[in-house]
mmCIF file of all heavy atoms, coordinates in Angstrom:
data_MODEL
# 
_entry.id   MODEL 
# 
loop_
_atom_site.group_PDB 
_atom_site.id 
_atom_site.type_symbol 
_atom_site.label_atom_id 
_atom_site.label_alt_id 
_atom_site.label_comp_id 
_atom_site.label_asym_id 
_atom_site.label_entity_id 
_atom_site.label_seq_id 
_atom_site.pdbx_PDB_ins_code 
_atom_site.Cartn_x 
_atom_site.Cartn_y 
_atom_site.Cartn_z 
_atom_site.occupancy 
_atom_site.B_iso_or_equiv 
_atom_site.pdbx_formal_charge 
_atom_site.auth_seq_id 
_atom_site.auth_comp_id 
_atom_site.auth_asym_id 
_atom_site.auth_atom_id 
_atom_site.pdbx_PDB_model_num 
ATOM 1   N N   . PHE A 1 1  ? 18.852 -237.362 32.149 1.00 0.00 ? 1  PHE A N   1 
ATOM 2   C CA  . PHE A 1 1  ? 20.233 -237.628 31.752 1.00 0.00 ? 1  PHE A CA  1 
ATOM 3   C C   . PHE A 1 1  ? 20.289 -238.419 30.452 1.00 0.00 ? 1  PHE A C   1 
ATOM 4   O O   . PHE A 1 1  ? 21.155 -238.182 29.605 1.00 0.00 ? 1  PHE A O   1 
ATOM 5   C CB  . PHE A 1 1  ? 20.998 -238.370 32.856 1.00 0.00 ? 1  PHE A CB  1 
ATOM 6   C CG  . PHE A 1 1  ? 22.486 -238.271 32.688 1.00 0.00 ? 1  PHE A CG  1 
ATOM 7   C CD1 . PHE A 1 1  ? 23.192 -237.211 33.230 1.00 0.00 ? 1  PHE A CD1 1 
ATOM 8   C CD2 . PHE A 1 1  ? 23.188 -239.228 31.967 1.00 0.00 ? 1  PHE A CD2 1 
ATOM 9   C CE1 . PHE A 1 1  ? 24.568 -237.111 33.067 1.00 0.00 ? 1  PHE A CE1 1 
ATOM 10  C CE2 . PHE A 1 1  ? 24.555 -239.137 31.791 1.00 0.00 ? 1  PHE A CE2 1 
ATOM 11  C CZ  . PHE A 1 1  ? 25.251 -238.073 32.343 1.00 0.00 ? 1  PHE A CZ  1 
ATOM 12  N N   . LEU A 1 2  ? 19.355 -239.353 30.258 1.00 0.00 ? 2  LEU A N   1 
ATOM 13  C CA  . LEU A 1 2  ? 19.297 -240.101 29.002 1.00 0.00 ? 2  LEU A CA  1 
ATOM 14  C C   . LEU A 1 2  ? 18.964 -239.166 27.843 1.00 0.00 ? 2  LEU A C   1 
ATOM 15  O O   . LEU A 1 2  ? 19.550 -239.276 26.762 1.00 0.00 ? 2  LEU A O   1 
ATOM 16  C CB  . LEU A 1 2  ? 18.280 -241.234 29.096 1.00 0.00 ? 2  LEU A CB  1 
ATOM 17  C CG  . LEU A 1 2  ? 18.142 -242.128 27.862 1.00 0.00 ? 2  LEU A CG  1 
ATOM 18  C CD1 . LEU A 1 2  ? 19.467 -242.793 27.498 1.00 0.00 ? 2  LEU A CD1 1 
ATOM 19  C CD2 . LEU A 1 2  ? 17.055 -243.177 28.086 1.00 0.00 ? 2  LEU A CD2 1 
ATOM 20  N N   . ASP A 1 3  ? 18.043 -238.233 28.057 1.00 0.00 ? 3  ASP A N   1 
ATOM 21  C CA  . ASP A 1 3  ? 17.757 -237.224 27.030 1.00 0.00 ? 3  ASP A CA  1 
ATOM 22  C C   . ASP A 1 3  ? 19.044 -236.514 26.616 1.00 0.00 ? 3  ASP A C   1 
ATOM 23  O O   . ASP A 1 3  ? 19.330 -236.342 25.427 1.00 0.00 ? 3  ASP A O   1 
ATOM 24  C CB  . ASP A 1 3  ? 16.772 -236.169 27.558 1.00 0.00 ? 3  ASP A CB  1 
ATOM 25  C CG  . ASP A 1 3  ? 15.369 -236.703 27.761 1.00 0.00 ? 3  ASP A CG  1 
ATOM 26  O OD1 . ASP A 1 3  ? 15.095 -237.864 27.421 1.00 0.00 ? 3  ASP A OD1 1 
ATOM 27  O OD2 . ASP A 1 3  ? 14.543 -235.931 28.288 1.00 0.00 ? 3  ASP A OD2 1 
ATOM 28  N N   . HIS A 1 4  ? 19.814 -236.094 27.613 1.00 0.00 ? 4  HIS A N   1 
ATOM 29  C CA  . HIS A 1 4  ? 21.052 -235.355 27.363 1.00 0.00 ? 4  HIS A CA  1 
ATOM 30  C C   . HIS A 1 4  ? 22.030 -236.186 26.531 1.00 0.00 ? 4  HIS A C   1 
ATOM 31  O O   . HIS A 1 4  ? 22.673 -235.673 25.608 1.00 0.00 ? 4  HIS A O   1 
ATOM 32  C CB  . HIS A 1 4  ? 21.668 -234.970 28.705 1.00 0.00 ? 4  HIS A CB  1 
ATOM 33  C CG  . HIS A 1 4  ? 22.930 -234.178 28.614 1.00 0.00 ? 4  HIS A CG  1 
ATOM 34  N ND1 . HIS A 1 4  ? 23.095 -233.088 27.788 1.00 0.00 ? 4  HIS A ND1 1 
ATOM 35  C CD2 . HIS A 1 4  ? 24.124 -234.321 29.265 1.00 0.00 ? 4  HIS A CD2 1 
ATOM 36  C CE1 . HIS A 1 4  ? 24.317 -232.592 27.928 1.00 0.00 ? 4  HIS A CE1 1 
ATOM 37  N NE2 . HIS A 1 4  ? 24.969 -233.332 28.818 1.00 0.00 ? 4  HIS A NE2 1 
ATOM 38  N N   . MET A 1 5  ? 22.138 -237.476 26.820 1.00 0.00 ? 5  MET A N   1 
ATOM 39  C CA  . MET A 1 5  ? 23.077 -238.330 26.082 1.00 0.00 ? 5  MET A CA  1 
ATOM 40  C C   . MET A 1 5  ? 22.606 -238.575 24.641 1.00 0.00 ? 5  MET A C   1 
ATOM 41  O O   . MET A 1 5  ? 23.414 -238.550 23.702 1.00 0.00 ? 5  MET A O   1 
ATOM 42  C CB  . MET A 1 5  ? 23.264 -239.663 26.812 1.00 0.00 ? 5  MET A CB  1 
ATOM 43  C CG  . MET A 1 5  ? 23.990 -239.550 28.139 1.00 0.00 ? 5  MET A CG  1 
ATOM 44  S SD  . MET A 1 5  ? 25.662 -238.857 28.030 1.00 0.00 ? 5  MET A SD  1 
ATOM 45  C CE  . MET A 1 5  ? 25.382 -237.148 28.544 1.00 0.00 ? 5  MET A CE  1 
ATOM 46  N N   . ILE A 1 6  ? 21.313 -238.795 24.441 1.00 0.00 ? 6  ILE A N   1 
ATOM 47  C CA  . ILE A 1 6  ? 20.809 -238.994 23.077 1.00 0.00 ? 6  ILE A CA  1 
ATOM 48  C C   . ILE A 1 6  ? 20.948 -237.702 22.274 1.00 0.00 ? 6  ILE A C   1 
ATOM 49  O O   . ILE A 1 6  ? 21.262 -237.727 21.076 1.00 0.00 ? 6  ILE A O   1 
ATOM 50  C CB  . ILE A 1 6  ? 19.350 -239.506 23.101 1.00 0.00 ? 6  ILE A CB  1 
ATOM 51  C CG1 . ILE A 1 6  ? 19.284 -240.892 23.753 1.00 0.00 ? 6  ILE A CG1 1 
ATOM 52  C CG2 . ILE A 1 6  ? 18.779 -239.570 21.678 1.00 0.00 ? 6  ILE A CG2 1 
ATOM 53  C CD1 . ILE A 1 6  ? 17.871 -241.407 23.995 1.00 0.00 ? 6  ILE A CD1 1 
ATOM 54  N N   . GLU A 1 7  ? 20.751 -236.566 22.932 1.00 0.00 ? 7  GLU A N   1 
ATOM 55  C CA  . GLU A 1 7  ? 20.966 -235.277 22.267 1.00 0.00 ? 7  GLU A CA  1 
ATOM 56  C C   . GLU A 1 7  ? 22.435 -235.113 21.851 1.00 0.00 ? 7  GLU A C   1 
ATOM 57  O O   . GLU A 1 7  ? 22.723 -234.621 20.751 1.00 0.00 ? 7  GLU A O   1 
ATOM 58  C CB  . GLU A 1 7  ? 20.548 -234.144 23.198 1.00 0.00 ? 7  GLU A CB  1 
ATOM 59  C CG  . GLU A 1 7  ? 19.042 -234.047 23.399 1.00 0.00 ? 7  GLU A CG  1 
ATOM 60  C CD  . GLU A 1 7  ? 18.632 -233.170 24.561 1.00 0.00 ? 7  GLU A CD  1 
ATOM 61  O OE1 . GLU A 1 7  ? 19.513 -232.615 25.247 1.00 0.00 ? 7  GLU A OE1 1 
ATOM 62  O OE2 . GLU A 1 7  ? 17.413 -233.049 24.808 1.00 0.00 ? 7  GLU A OE2 1 
ATOM 63  N N   . GLN A 1 8  ? 23.349 -235.534 22.727 1.00 0.00 ? 8  GLN A N   1 
ATOM 64  C CA  . GLN A 1 8  ? 24.771 -235.483 22.374 1.00 0.00 ? 8  GLN A CA  1 
ATOM 65  C C   . GLN A 1 8  ? 25.060 -236.379 21.171 1.00 0.00 ? 8  GLN A C   1 
ATOM 66  O O   . GLN A 1 8  ? 25.826 -236.012 20.269 1.00 0.00 ? 8  GLN A O   1 
ATOM 67  C CB  . GLN A 1 8  ? 25.640 -235.921 23.563 1.00 0.00 ? 8  GLN A CB  1 
ATOM 68  C CG  . GLN A 1 8  ? 25.604 -235.001 24.757 1.00 0.00 ? 8  GLN A CG  1 
ATOM 69  C CD  . GLN A 1 8  ? 26.248 -233.653 24.481 1.00 0.00 ? 8  GLN A CD  1 
ATOM 70  O OE1 . GLN A 1 8  ? 27.031 -233.495 23.558 1.00 0.00 ? 8  GLN A OE1 1 
ATOM 71  N NE2 . GLN A 1 8  ? 25.919 -232.674 25.293 1.00 0.00 ? 8  GLN A NE2 1 
ATOM 72  N N   . PHE A 1 9  ? 24.450 -237.563 21.170 1.00 0.00 ? 9  PHE A N   1 
ATOM 73  C CA  . PHE A 1 9  ? 24.625 -238.467 20.030 1.00 0.00 ? 9  PHE A CA  1 
ATOM 74  C C   . PHE A 1 9  ? 24.180 -237.804 18.736 1.00 0.00 ? 9  PHE A C   1 
ATOM 75  O O   . PHE A 1 9  ? 24.875 -237.824 17.725 1.00 0.00 ? 9  PHE A O   1 
ATOM 76  C CB  . PHE A 1 9  ? 23.853 -239.768 20.251 1.00 0.00 ? 9  PHE A CB  1 
ATOM 77  C CG  . PHE A 1 9  ? 23.770 -240.617 19.015 1.00 0.00 ? 9  PHE A CG  1 
ATOM 78  C CD1 . PHE A 1 9  ? 24.875 -241.315 18.557 1.00 0.00 ? 9  PHE A CD1 1 
ATOM 79  C CD2 . PHE A 1 9  ? 22.593 -240.684 18.277 1.00 0.00 ? 9  PHE A CD2 1 
ATOM 80  C CE1 . PHE A 1 9  ? 24.820 -242.069 17.400 1.00 0.00 ? 9  PHE A CE1 1 
ATOM 81  C CE2 . PHE A 1 9  ? 22.523 -241.440 17.124 1.00 0.00 ? 9  PHE A CE2 1 
ATOM 82  C CZ  . PHE A 1 9  ? 23.642 -242.138 16.682 1.00 0.00 ? 9  PHE A CZ  1 
ATOM 83  N N   . SER A 1 10 ? 23.007 -237.199 18.749 1.00 0.00 ? 10 SER A N   1 
ATOM 84  C CA  . SER A 1 10 ? 22.485 -236.553 17.550 1.00 0.00 ? 10 SER A CA  1 
ATOM 85  C C   . SER A 1 10 ? 23.381 -235.408 17.095 1.00 0.00 ? 10 SER A C   1 
ATOM 86  O O   . SER A 1 10 ? 23.787 -235.328 15.929 1.00 0.00 ? 10 SER A O   1 
ATOM 87  C CB  . SER A 1 10 ? 21.070 -236.034 17.823 1.00 0.00 ? 10 SER A CB  1 
ATOM 88  O OG  . SER A 1 10 ? 20.586 -235.275 16.736 1.00 0.00 ? 10 SER A OG  1 
ATOM 89  N N   . ARG A 1 11 ? 23.719 -234.525 18.020 1.00 0.00 ? 11 ARG A N   1 
ATOM 90  C CA  . ARG A 1 11 ? 24.490 -233.333 17.668 1.00 0.00 ? 11 ARG A CA  1 
ATOM 91  C C   . ARG A 1 11 ? 25.846 -233.693 17.060 1.00 0.00 ? 11 ARG A C   1 
ATOM 92  O O   . ARG A 1 11 ? 26.280 -233.105 16.072 1.00 0.00 ? 11 ARG A O   1 
ATOM 93  C CB  . ARG A 1 11 ? 24.680 -232.461 18.917 1.00 0.00 ? 11 ARG A CB  1 
ATOM 94  C CG  . ARG A 1 11 ? 25.547 -231.218 18.736 1.00 0.00 ? 11 ARG A CG  1 
ATOM 95  C CD  . ARG A 1 11 ? 24.991 -230.234 17.705 1.00 0.00 ? 11 ARG A CD  1 
ATOM 96  N NE  . ARG A 1 11 ? 23.618 -229.873 17.917 1.00 0.00 ? 11 ARG A NE  1 
ATOM 97  C CZ  . ARG A 1 11 ? 23.200 -228.899 18.708 1.00 0.00 ? 11 ARG A CZ  1 
ATOM 98  N NH1 . ARG A 1 11 ? 24.055 -228.193 19.401 1.00 0.00 ? 11 ARG A NH1 1 
ATOM 99  N NH2 . ARG A 1 11 ? 21.915 -228.639 18.801 1.00 0.00 ? 11 ARG A NH2 1 
ATOM 100 N N   . HIS A 1 12 ? 26.514 -234.686 17.623 1.00 0.00 ? 12 HIS A N   1 
ATOM 101 C CA  . HIS A 1 12 ? 27.880 -234.986 17.192 1.00 0.00 ? 12 HIS A CA  1 
ATOM 102 C C   . HIS A 1 12 ? 27.950 -236.014 16.058 1.00 0.00 ? 12 HIS A C   1 
ATOM 103 O O   . HIS A 1 12 ? 28.983 -236.114 15.392 1.00 0.00 ? 12 HIS A O   1 
ATOM 104 C CB  . HIS A 1 12 ? 28.723 -235.412 18.390 1.00 0.00 ? 12 HIS A CB  1 
ATOM 105 C CG  . HIS A 1 12 ? 28.937 -234.287 19.355 1.00 0.00 ? 12 HIS A CG  1 
ATOM 106 N ND1 . HIS A 1 12 ? 29.891 -233.308 19.154 1.00 0.00 ? 12 HIS A ND1 1 
ATOM 107 C CD2 . HIS A 1 12 ? 28.281 -233.940 20.495 1.00 0.00 ? 12 HIS A CD2 1 
ATOM 108 C CE1 . HIS A 1 12 ? 29.831 -232.430 20.139 1.00 0.00 ? 12 HIS A CE1 1 
ATOM 109 N NE2 . HIS A 1 12 ? 28.865 -232.790 20.962 1.00 0.00 ? 12 HIS A NE2 1 
ATOM 110 N N   . SER A 1 13 ? 26.879 -236.736 15.821 1.00 0.00 ? 13 SER A N   1 
ATOM 111 C CA  . SER A 1 13 ? 26.835 -237.645 14.669 1.00 0.00 ? 13 SER A CA  1 
ATOM 112 C C   . SER A 1 13 ? 26.284 -236.964 13.430 1.00 0.00 ? 13 SER A C   1 
ATOM 113 O O   . SER A 1 13 ? 26.418 -237.482 12.314 1.00 0.00 ? 13 SER A O   1 
ATOM 114 C CB  . SER A 1 13 ? 25.964 -238.865 14.983 1.00 0.00 ? 13 SER A CB  1 
ATOM 115 O OG  . SER A 1 13 ? 24.596 -238.484 15.135 1.00 0.00 ? 13 SER A OG  1 
ATOM 116 N N   . LEU A 1 14 ? 25.618 -235.808 13.619 1.00 0.00 ? 14 LEU A N   1 
ATOM 117 C CA  . LEU A 1 14 ? 24.868 -235.108 12.565 1.00 0.00 ? 14 LEU A CA  1 
ATOM 118 C C   . LEU A 1 14 ? 23.677 -235.929 12.068 1.00 0.00 ? 14 LEU A C   1 
ATOM 119 O O   . LEU A 1 14 ? 23.145 -235.671 10.993 1.00 0.00 ? 14 LEU A O   1 
ATOM 120 C CB  . LEU A 1 14 ? 25.771 -234.711 11.382 1.00 0.00 ? 14 LEU A CB  1 
ATOM 121 C CG  . LEU A 1 14 ? 26.903 -233.741 11.715 1.00 0.00 ? 14 LEU A CG  1 
ATOM 122 C CD1 . LEU A 1 14 ? 27.673 -233.379 10.446 1.00 0.00 ? 14 LEU A CD1 1 
ATOM 123 C CD2 . LEU A 1 14 ? 26.369 -232.482 12.402 1.00 0.00 ? 14 LEU A CD2 1 
ATOM 124 N N   . ILE A 1 15 ? 23.263 -236.910 12.862 1.00 0.00 ? 15 ILE A N   1 
ATOM 125 C CA  . ILE A 1 15 ? 22.047 -237.669 12.569 1.00 0.00 ? 15 ILE A CA  1 
ATOM 126 C C   . ILE A 1 15 ? 20.887 -236.973 13.280 1.00 0.00 ? 15 ILE A C   1 
ATOM 127 O O   . ILE A 1 15 ? 20.910 -236.820 14.504 1.00 0.00 ? 15 ILE A O   1 
ATOM 128 C CB  . ILE A 1 15 ? 22.175 -239.130 13.048 1.00 0.00 ? 15 ILE A CB  1 
ATOM 129 C CG1 . ILE A 1 15 ? 23.293 -239.855 12.297 1.00 0.00 ? 15 ILE A CG1 1 
ATOM 130 C CG2 . ILE A 1 15 ? 20.844 -239.874 12.879 1.00 0.00 ? 15 ILE A CG2 1 
ATOM 131 C CD1 . ILE A 1 15 ? 23.611 -241.240 12.843 1.00 0.00 ? 15 ILE A CD1 1 
ATOM 132 N N   . ASP A 1 16 ? 19.893 -236.522 12.526 1.00 0.00 ? 16 ASP A N   1 
ATOM 133 C CA  . ASP A 1 16 ? 18.710 -235.933 13.151 1.00 0.00 ? 16 ASP A CA  1 
ATOM 134 C C   . ASP A 1 16 ? 17.953 -237.034 13.894 1.00 0.00 ? 16 ASP A C   1 
ATOM 135 O O   . ASP A 1 16 ? 17.741 -238.125 13.356 1.00 0.00 ? 16 ASP A O   1 
ATOM 136 C CB  . ASP A 1 16 ? 17.790 -235.322 12.096 1.00 0.00 ? 16 ASP A CB  1 
ATOM 137 C CG  . ASP A 1 16 ? 18.414 -234.132 11.378 1.00 0.00 ? 16 ASP A CG  1 
ATOM 138 O OD1 . ASP A 1 16 ? 19.402 -233.573 11.882 1.00 0.00 ? 16 ASP A OD1 1 
ATOM 139 O OD2 . ASP A 1 16 ? 17.891 -233.771 10.298 1.00 0.00 ? 16 ASP A OD2 1 
ATOM 140 N N   . VAL A 1 17 ? 17.546 -236.743 15.121 1.00 0.00 ? 17 VAL A N   1 
ATOM 141 C CA  . VAL A 1 17 ? 16.870 -237.739 15.952 1.00 0.00 ? 17 VAL A CA  1 
ATOM 142 C C   . VAL A 1 17 ? 15.637 -237.125 16.601 1.00 0.00 ? 17 VAL A C   1 
ATOM 143 O O   . VAL A 1 17 ? 15.724 -236.077 17.257 1.00 0.00 ? 17 VAL A O   1 
ATOM 144 C CB  . VAL A 1 17 ? 17.794 -238.282 17.057 1.00 0.00 ? 17 VAL A CB  1 
ATOM 145 C CG1 . VAL A 1 17 ? 17.027 -239.218 17.996 1.00 0.00 ? 17 VAL A CG1 1 
ATOM 146 C CG2 . VAL A 1 17 ? 19.001 -239.004 16.476 1.00 0.00 ? 17 VAL A CG2 1 
ATOM 147 N N   . THR A 1 18 ? 14.509 -237.785 16.420 1.00 0.00 ? 18 THR A N   1 
ATOM 148 C CA  . THR A 1 18 ? 13.324 -237.534 17.231 1.00 0.00 ? 18 THR A CA  1 
ATOM 149 C C   . THR A 1 18 ? 13.085 -238.791 18.044 1.00 0.00 ? 18 THR A C   1 
ATOM 150 O O   . THR A 1 18 ? 13.050 -239.893 17.489 1.00 0.00 ? 18 THR A O   1 
ATOM 151 C CB  . THR A 1 18 ? 12.092 -237.232 16.364 1.00 0.00 ? 18 THR A CB  1 
ATOM 152 O OG1 . THR A 1 18 ? 12.344 -236.042 15.599 1.00 0.00 ? 18 THR A OG1 1 
ATOM 153 C CG2 . THR A 1 18 ? 10.859 -237.024 17.223 1.00 0.00 ? 18 THR A CG2 1 
ATOM 154 N N   . CYS A 1 19 ? 12.961 -238.647 19.350 1.00 0.00 ? 19 CYS A N   1 
ATOM 155 C CA  . CYS A 1 19 ? 12.792 -239.808 20.230 1.00 0.00 ? 19 CYS A CA  1 
ATOM 156 C C   . CYS A 1 19 ? 11.862 -239.429 21.365 1.00 0.00 ? 19 CYS A C   1 
ATOM 157 O O   . CYS A 1 19 ? 12.249 -238.683 22.268 1.00 0.00 ? 19 CYS A O   1 
ATOM 158 C CB  . CYS A 1 19 ? 14.156 -240.265 20.771 1.00 0.00 ? 19 CYS A CB  1 
ATOM 159 S SG  . CYS A 1 19 ? 14.088 -241.678 21.887 1.00 0.00 ? 19 CYS A SG  1 
ATOM 160 N N   . HIS A 1 20 ? 10.640 -239.930 21.296 1.00 0.00 ? 20 HIS A N   1 
ATOM 161 C CA  . HIS A 1 20 ? 9.651  -239.661 22.339 1.00 0.00 ? 20 HIS A CA  1 
ATOM 162 C C   . HIS A 1 20 ? 9.269  -240.990 22.984 1.00 0.00 ? 20 HIS A C   1 
ATOM 163 O O   . HIS A 1 20 ? 8.857  -241.924 22.283 1.00 0.00 ? 20 HIS A O   1 
ATOM 164 C CB  . HIS A 1 20 ? 8.404  -239.005 21.751 1.00 0.00 ? 20 HIS A CB  1 
ATOM 165 C CG  . HIS A 1 20 ? 8.661  -237.641 21.183 1.00 0.00 ? 20 HIS A CG  1 
ATOM 166 N ND1 . HIS A 1 20 ? 7.794  -237.018 20.317 1.00 0.00 ? 20 HIS A ND1 1 
ATOM 167 C CD2 . HIS A 1 20 ? 9.685  -236.769 21.360 1.00 0.00 ? 20 HIS A CD2 1 
ATOM 168 C CE1 . HIS A 1 20 ? 8.278  -235.833 19.975 1.00 0.00 ? 20 HIS A CE1 1 
ATOM 169 N NE2 . HIS A 1 20 ? 9.433  -235.665 20.600 1.00 0.00 ? 20 HIS A NE2 1 
ATOM 170 N N   . VAL A 1 21 ? 9.422  -241.052 24.290 1.00 0.00 ? 21 VAL A N   1 
ATOM 171 C CA  . VAL A 1 21 ? 9.146  -242.287 25.031 1.00 0.00 ? 21 VAL A CA  1 
ATOM 172 C C   . VAL A 1 21 ? 8.240  -241.994 26.212 1.00 0.00 ? 21 VAL A C   1 
ATOM 173 O O   . VAL A 1 21 ? 8.494  -241.062 26.980 1.00 0.00 ? 21 VAL A O   1 
ATOM 174 C CB  . VAL A 1 21 ? 10.452 -242.935 25.556 1.00 0.00 ? 21 VAL A CB  1 
ATOM 175 C CG1 . VAL A 1 21 ? 10.149 -244.280 26.214 1.00 0.00 ? 21 VAL A CG1 1 
ATOM 176 C CG2 . VAL A 1 21 ? 11.487 -243.081 24.467 1.00 0.00 ? 21 VAL A CG2 1 
ATOM 177 N N   . LYS A 1 22 ? 7.194  -242.799 26.346 1.00 0.00 ? 22 LYS A N   1 
ATOM 178 C CA  . LYS A 1 22 ? 6.397  -242.836 27.565 1.00 0.00 ? 22 LYS A CA  1 
ATOM 179 C C   . LYS A 1 22 ? 6.576  -244.235 28.139 1.00 0.00 ? 22 LYS A C   1 
ATOM 180 O O   . LYS A 1 22 ? 6.135  -245.214 27.531 1.00 0.00 ? 22 LYS A O   1 
ATOM 181 C CB  . LYS A 1 22 ? 4.927  -242.552 27.263 1.00 0.00 ? 22 LYS A CB  1 
ATOM 182 C CG  . LYS A 1 22 ? 4.677  -241.129 26.778 1.00 0.00 ? 22 LYS A CG  1 
ATOM 183 C CD  . LYS A 1 22 ? 3.216  -240.895 26.485 1.00 0.00 ? 22 LYS A CD  1 
ATOM 184 C CE  . LYS A 1 22 ? 2.980  -239.479 25.967 1.00 0.00 ? 22 LYS A CE  1 
ATOM 185 N NZ  . LYS A 1 22 ? 1.566  -239.246 25.592 1.00 0.00 ? 22 LYS A NZ  1 
ATOM 186 N N   . GLY A 1 23 ? 7.256  -244.309 29.281 1.00 0.00 ? 23 GLY A N   1 
ATOM 187 C CA  . GLY A 1 23 ? 7.576  -245.609 29.854 1.00 0.00 ? 23 GLY A CA  1 
ATOM 188 C C   . GLY A 1 23 ? 7.079  -245.769 31.272 1.00 0.00 ? 23 GLY A C   1 
ATOM 189 O O   . GLY A 1 23 ? 6.603  -244.820 31.900 1.00 0.00 ? 23 GLY A O   1 
ATOM 190 N N   . ASP A 1 24 ? 7.213  -246.988 31.775 1.00 0.00 ? 24 ASP A N   1 
ATOM 191 C CA  . ASP A 1 24 ? 6.747  -247.315 33.121 1.00 0.00 ? 24 ASP A CA  1 
ATOM 192 C C   . ASP A 1 24 ? 7.806  -246.933 34.161 1.00 0.00 ? 24 ASP A C   1 
ATOM 193 O O   . ASP A 1 24 ? 8.333  -247.779 34.886 1.00 0.00 ? 24 ASP A O   1 
ATOM 194 C CB  . ASP A 1 24 ? 6.370  -248.790 33.222 1.00 0.00 ? 24 ASP A CB  1 
ATOM 195 C CG  . ASP A 1 24 ? 7.508  -249.736 32.827 1.00 0.00 ? 24 ASP A CG  1 
ATOM 196 O OD1 . ASP A 1 24 ? 8.595  -249.249 32.405 1.00 0.00 ? 24 ASP A OD1 1 
ATOM 197 O OD2 . ASP A 1 24 ? 7.326  -250.957 32.953 1.00 0.00 ? 24 ASP A OD2 1 
ATOM 198 N N   . LEU A 1 25 ? 8.090  -245.639 34.231 1.00 0.00 ? 25 LEU A N   1 
ATOM 199 C CA  . LEU A 1 25 ? 9.117  -245.160 35.153 1.00 0.00 ? 25 LEU A CA  1 
ATOM 200 C C   . LEU A 1 25 ? 8.707  -245.317 36.613 1.00 0.00 ? 25 LEU A C   1 
ATOM 201 O O   . LEU A 1 25 ? 9.564  -245.225 37.502 1.00 0.00 ? 25 LEU A O   1 
ATOM 202 C CB  . LEU A 1 25 ? 9.449  -243.696 34.852 1.00 0.00 ? 25 LEU A CB  1 
ATOM 203 C CG  . LEU A 1 25 ? 10.118 -243.455 33.493 1.00 0.00 ? 25 LEU A CG  1 
ATOM 204 C CD1 . LEU A 1 25 ? 10.302 -241.958 33.255 1.00 0.00 ? 25 LEU A CD1 1 
ATOM 205 C CD2 . LEU A 1 25 ? 11.453 -244.176 33.398 1.00 0.00 ? 25 LEU A CD2 1 
ATOM 206 N N   . HIS A 1 26 ? 7.432  -245.588 36.861 1.00 0.00 ? 26 HIS A N   1 
ATOM 207 C CA  . HIS A 1 26 ? 7.016  -245.889 38.232 1.00 0.00 ? 26 HIS A CA  1 
ATOM 208 C C   . HIS A 1 26 ? 7.565  -247.242 38.682 1.00 0.00 ? 26 HIS A C   1 
ATOM 209 O O   . HIS A 1 26 ? 7.651  -247.504 39.884 1.00 0.00 ? 26 HIS A O   1 
ATOM 210 C CB  . HIS A 1 26 ? 5.480  -245.883 38.335 1.00 0.00 ? 26 HIS A CB  1 
ATOM 211 C CG  . HIS A 1 26 ? 4.823  -246.948 37.525 1.00 0.00 ? 26 HIS A CG  1 
ATOM 212 N ND1 . HIS A 1 26 ? 4.704  -246.860 36.143 1.00 0.00 ? 26 HIS A ND1 1 
ATOM 213 C CD2 . HIS A 1 26 ? 4.270  -248.141 37.878 1.00 0.00 ? 26 HIS A CD2 1 
ATOM 214 C CE1 . HIS A 1 26 ? 4.085  -247.932 35.701 1.00 0.00 ? 26 HIS A CE1 1 
ATOM 215 N NE2 . HIS A 1 26 ? 3.820  -248.727 36.718 1.00 0.00 ? 26 HIS A NE2 1 
ATOM 216 N N   . VAL A 1 27 ? 7.945  -248.090 37.718 1.00 0.00 ? 27 VAL A N   1 
ATOM 217 C CA  . VAL A 1 27 ? 8.584  -249.375 38.040 1.00 0.00 ? 27 VAL A CA  1 
ATOM 218 C C   . VAL A 1 27 ? 10.074 -249.138 38.241 1.00 0.00 ? 27 VAL A C   1 
ATOM 219 O O   . VAL A 1 27 ? 10.604 -249.301 39.335 1.00 0.00 ? 27 VAL A O   1 
ATOM 220 C CB  . VAL A 1 27 ? 8.333  -250.421 36.928 1.00 0.00 ? 27 VAL A CB  1 
ATOM 221 C CG1 . VAL A 1 27 ? 9.074  -251.710 37.231 1.00 0.00 ? 27 VAL A CG1 1 
ATOM 222 C CG2 . VAL A 1 27 ? 6.838  -250.678 36.772 1.00 0.00 ? 27 VAL A CG2 1 
# 
């Protein structure tokens, strides 16, 4: 869902965004 929201931000701001995260989602 966070991916979807950041994608919406990029598409509608016309700001190109690359965002790759590896996080401690097990926490």
